[in-house]
Amino acid sequence: MIAPPTAAGPDGRDPQPLGRIVGRLVNEHGWQGGLVAGQLQNRWAELVGPMVAENLRFVSFEAGLLVAQASSTSWRTQLVGMEQELLRAFAARLGEDVVLEVRVLGPSTPTFNRGPRTVRGRGARDTWG
């Protein structure tokens, strides 16, 4: 009588490729959003193109919503119209259903309601009597 073969197959105790281990950790702990945000931030000029990258700054990414800030109101208007084109570019480079929505903010403006000489109401900008 011949004994059955005893060759053991691969199991969970065998050495695993580092990429597989990191991928499993990312999935178990829900770190996908943070990794995508890091990719968006580090590859911004590559993802949106150099001309757009000069005038659009990455702000945040959470739950599929990418928030970016334009350098001027005219750039904001133009980029709002390009939202579908940006979504297609992100889908091609990062994968489908990663970036679901792009929100383009206008440029930040100085505020007049802080500082040592603030005035209630419209203050120094009030031109009516």
C-alpha atoms as a PDB file:
ATOM      1  CA  MET A   1       0.000   0.000   0.000  1.00  0.00           C
ATOM      2  CA  ILE A   2       1.290   3.429  -0.962  1.00  0.00           C
ATOM      3  CA  ALA A   3       0.986   6.294   1.516  1.00  0.00           C
ATOM      4  CA  PRO A   4      -0.982   9.337   0.307  1.00  0.00           C
ATOM      5  CA  PRO A   5       1.089  12.371  -0.633  1.00  0.00           C
ATOM      6  CA  THR A   6       1.696  14.745   2.253  1.00  0.00           C
ATOM      7  CA  ALA A   7       2.592  17.859   0.301  1.00  0.00           C
ATOM      8  CA  ALA A   8       1.224  20.820   2.163  1.00  0.00           C
ATOM      9  CA  GLY A   9      -0.217  23.710   0.188  1.00  0.00           C
ATOM     10  CA  PRO A  10       0.281  27.378   0.967  1.00  0.00           C
ATOM     11  CA  ASP A  11      -1.520  28.644   4.059  1.00  0.00           C
ATOM     12  CA  GLY A  12      -1.723  31.790   6.181  1.00  0.00           C
ATOM     13  CA  ARG A  13       1.521  30.995   7.993  1.00  0.00           C
ATOM     14  CA  ASP A  14       3.638  31.216   4.847  1.00  0.00           C
ATOM     15  CA  PRO A  15       5.528  34.415   4.061  1.00  0.00           C
ATOM     16  CA  GLN A  16       3.277  36.850   2.208  1.00  0.00           C
ATOM     17  CA  PRO A  17       4.191  39.643  -0.195  1.00  0.00           C
ATOM     18  CA  LEU A  18       4.311  43.012   1.562  1.00  0.00           C
ATOM     19  CA  GLY A  19       1.780  44.535  -0.848  1.00  0.00           C
ATOM     20  CA  ARG A  20      -0.815  41.912   0.067  1.00  0.00           C
ATOM     21  CA  ILE A  21      -0.279  42.480   3.802  1.00  0.00           C
ATOM     22  CA  VAL A  22      -0.519  46.273   3.475  1.00  0.00           C
ATOM     23  CA  GLY A  23      -3.608  45.932   1.268  1.00  0.00           C
ATOM     24  CA  ARG A  24      -5.296  43.757   3.866  1.00  0.00           C
ATOM     25  CA  LEU A  25      -4.450  46.256   6.651  1.00  0.00           C
ATOM     26  CA  VAL A  26      -5.803  49.146   4.577  1.00  0.00           C
ATOM     27  CA  ASN A  27      -9.082  47.294   3.996  1.00  0.00           C
ATOM     28  CA  GLU A  28      -9.430  46.143   7.619  1.00  0.00           C
ATOM     29  CA  HIS A  29      -8.879  49.619   9.070  1.00  0.00           C
ATOM     30  CA  GLY A  30     -10.694  51.682   6.416  1.00  0.00           C
ATOM     31  CA  TRP A  31      -7.649  53.695   5.365  1.00  0.00           C
ATOM     32  CA  GLN A  32      -8.586  53.901   1.656  1.00  0.00           C
ATOM     33  CA  GLY A  33      -9.687  57.551   1.867  1.00  0.00           C
ATOM     34  CA  GLY A  34      -6.417  58.632   3.443  1.00  0.00           C
ATOM     35  CA  LEU A  35      -4.401  56.854   0.789  1.00  0.00           C
ATOM     36  CA  VAL A  36      -6.430  58.441  -2.002  1.00  0.00           C
ATOM     37  CA  ALA A  37      -6.037  61.884  -0.395  1.00  0.00           C
ATOM     38  CA  GLY A  38      -2.289  61.328  -0.227  1.00  0.00           C
ATOM     39  CA  GLN A  39      -2.168  60.307  -3.883  1.00  0.00           C
ATOM     40  CA  LEU A  40      -4.243  63.321  -4.888  1.00  0.00           C
ATOM     41  CA  GLN A  41      -1.988  65.669  -2.967  1.00  0.00           C
ATOM     42  CA  ASN A  42       1.308  64.153  -4.137  1.00  0.00           C
ATOM     43  CA  ARG A  43       0.326  63.643  -7.788  1.00  0.00           C
ATOM     44  CA  TRP A  44      -1.802  66.805  -8.128  1.00  0.00           C
ATOM     45  CA  ALA A  45       0.070  68.354 -11.102  1.00  0.00           C
ATOM     46  CA  GLU A  46       0.123  65.003 -12.907  1.00  0.00           C
ATOM     47  CA  LEU A  47      -3.590  64.374 -12.295  1.00  0.00           C
ATOM     48  CA  VAL A  48      -4.993  67.787 -13.269  1.00  0.00           C
ATOM     49  CA  GLY A  49      -2.261  69.010 -15.599  1.00  0.00           C
ATOM     50  CA  PRO A  50       0.399  71.652 -14.973  1.00  0.00           C
ATOM     51  CA  MET A  51      -1.659  74.689 -16.065  1.00  0.00           C
ATOM     52  CA  VAL A  52      -4.635  73.773 -13.885  1.00  0.00           C
ATOM     53  CA  ALA A  53      -2.318  72.841 -10.989  1.00  0.00           C
ATOM     54  CA  GLU A  54      -0.910  76.383 -11.009  1.00  0.00           C
ATOM     55  CA  ASN A  55      -4.397  77.795 -10.464  1.00  0.00           C
ATOM     56  CA  LEU A  56      -6.151  75.088  -8.449  1.00  0.00           C
ATOM     57  CA  ARG A  57      -4.945  73.973  -5.010  1.00  0.00           C
ATOM     58  CA  PHE A  58      -5.887  70.655  -3.391  1.00  0.00           C
ATOM     59  CA  VAL A  59      -7.759  71.267  -0.104  1.00  0.00           C
ATOM     60  CA  SER A  60      -9.236  67.945   1.047  1.00  0.00           C
ATOM     61  CA  PHE A  61     -10.677  64.595   0.037  1.00  0.00           C
ATOM     62  CA  GLU A  62     -13.250  62.663   2.047  1.00  0.00           C
ATOM     63  CA  ALA A  63     -15.892  60.088   1.099  1.00  0.00           C
ATOM     64  CA  GLY A  64     -15.497  60.670  -2.633  1.00  0.00           C
ATOM     65  CA  LEU A  65     -15.710  64.479  -2.386  1.00  0.00           C
ATOM     66  CA  LEU A  66     -12.649  66.358  -3.619  1.00  0.00           C
ATOM     67  CA  VAL A  67     -12.462  69.982  -2.477  1.00  0.00           C
ATOM     68  CA  ALA A  68     -10.059  72.322  -4.271  1.00  0.00           C
ATOM     69  CA  GLN A  69      -9.542  76.076  -4.208  1.00  0.00           C
ATOM     70  CA  ALA A  70      -9.104  78.219  -7.321  1.00  0.00           C
ATOM     71  CA  SER A  71      -6.670  81.124  -7.440  1.00  0.00           C
ATOM     72  CA  SER A  72      -9.263  83.527  -8.872  1.00  0.00           C
ATOM     73  CA  THR A  73     -12.984  83.740  -9.472  1.00  0.00           C
ATOM     74  CA  SER A  74     -12.504  83.423 -13.220  1.00  0.00           C
ATOM     75  CA  TRP A  75     -10.557  80.180 -12.735  1.00  0.00           C
ATOM     76  CA  ARG A  76     -13.260  78.929 -10.389  1.00  0.00           C
ATOM     77  CA  THR A  77     -15.933  79.598 -13.012  1.00  0.00           C
ATOM     78  CA  GLN A  78     -13.928  77.812 -15.686  1.00  0.00           C
ATOM     79  CA  LEU A  79     -13.127  74.806 -13.454  1.00  0.00           C
ATOM     80  CA  VAL A  80     -16.727  74.377 -12.320  1.00  0.00           C
ATOM     81  CA  GLY A  81     -17.557  73.938 -15.998  1.00  0.00           C
ATOM     82  CA  MET A  82     -14.764  71.364 -16.326  1.00  0.00           C
ATOM     83  CA  GLU A  83     -16.006  69.158 -13.467  1.00  0.00           C
ATOM     84  CA  GLN A  84     -16.948  66.202 -15.709  1.00  0.00           C
ATOM     85  CA  GLU A  85     -13.601  66.384 -17.491  1.00  0.00           C
ATOM     86  CA  LEU A  86     -11.775  66.367 -14.144  1.00  0.00           C
ATOM     87  CA  LEU A  87     -13.843  63.411 -12.939  1.00  0.00           C
ATOM     88  CA  ARG A  88     -12.954  61.456 -16.094  1.00  0.00           C
ATOM     89  CA  ALA A  89      -9.254  62.239 -15.592  1.00  0.00           C
ATOM     90  CA  PHE A  90      -9.379  61.087 -11.962  1.00  0.00           C
ATOM     91  CA  ALA A  91     -11.246  57.913 -12.948  1.00  0.00           C
ATOM     92  CA  ALA A  92      -8.644  57.091 -15.598  1.00  0.00           C
ATOM     93  CA  ARG A  93      -5.688  57.611 -13.272  1.00  0.00           C
ATOM     94  CA  LEU A  94      -7.039  56.572  -9.848  1.00  0.00           C
ATOM     95  CA  GLY A  95      -9.824  54.151 -10.728  1.00  0.00           C
ATOM     96  CA  GLU A  96     -13.568  54.312 -11.195  1.00  0.00           C
ATOM     97  CA  ASP A  97     -15.744  55.501  -8.288  1.00  0.00           C
ATOM     98  CA  VAL A  98     -12.836  56.945  -6.289  1.00  0.00           C
ATOM     99  CA  VAL A  99     -13.476  60.660  -6.828  1.00  0.00           C
ATOM    100  CA  LEU A 100     -17.249  61.062  -7.100  1.00  0.00           C
ATOM    101  CA  GLU A 101     -17.633  64.827  -6.871  1.00  0.00           C
ATOM    102  CA  VAL A 102     -15.394  67.870  -7.307  1.00  0.00           C
ATOM    103  CA  ARG A 103     -16.189  71.065  -5.408  1.00  0.00           C
ATOM    104  CA  VAL A 104     -14.198  74.116  -6.498  1.00  0.00           C
ATOM    105  CA  LEU A 105     -14.021  76.950  -3.983  1.00  0.00           C
ATOM    106  CA  GLY A 106     -13.274  80.536  -4.882  1.00  0.00           C
ATOM    107  CA  PRO A 107     -10.168  82.334  -3.675  1.00  0.00           C
ATOM    108  CA  SER A 108      -9.948  83.236  -0.024  1.00  0.00           C
ATOM    109  CA  THR A 109     -10.477  86.904   0.677  1.00  0.00           C
ATOM    110  CA  PRO A 110      -9.286  88.964   3.620  1.00  0.00           C
ATOM    111  CA  THR A 111     -11.700  89.302   6.487  1.00  0.00           C
ATOM    112  CA  PHE A 112     -12.441  92.568   8.267  1.00  0.00           C
ATOM    113  CA  ASN A 113     -14.079  91.146  11.376  1.00  0.00           C
ATOM    114  CA  ARG A 114     -10.921  90.327  13.349  1.00  0.00           C
ATOM    115  CA  GLY A 115      -8.168  92.424  14.804  1.00  0.00           C
ATOM    116  CA  PRO A 116      -7.581  95.127  17.420  1.00  0.00           C
ATOM    117  CA  ARG A 117      -9.746  97.785  15.751  1.00  0.00           C
ATOM    118  CA  THR A 118     -12.858  95.911  14.692  1.00  0.00           C
ATOM    119  CA  VAL A 119     -16.194  97.665  14.536  1.00  0.00           C
ATOM    120  CA  ARG A 120     -19.645  96.117  14.881  1.00  0.00           C
ATOM    121  CA  GLY A 121     -21.642  96.088  11.693  1.00  0.00           C
ATOM    122  CA  ARG A 122     -20.199  97.160   8.393  1.00  0.00           C
ATOM    123  CA  GLY A 123     -17.724  99.515  10.056  1.00  0.00           C
ATOM    124  CA  ALA A 124     -15.155 101.312   7.940  1.00  0.00           C
ATOM    125  CA  ARG A 125     -16.575  99.904   4.706  1.00  0.00           C
ATOM    126  CA  ASP A 126     -19.964 101.552   5.348  1.00  0.00           C
ATOM    127  CA  THR A 127     -20.361 104.436   2.901  1.00  0.00           C
ATOM    128  CA  TRP A 128     -23.884 105.416   3.935  1.00  0.00           C
ATOM    129  CA  GLY A 129     -23.826 108.458   6.191  1.00  0.00           C
END
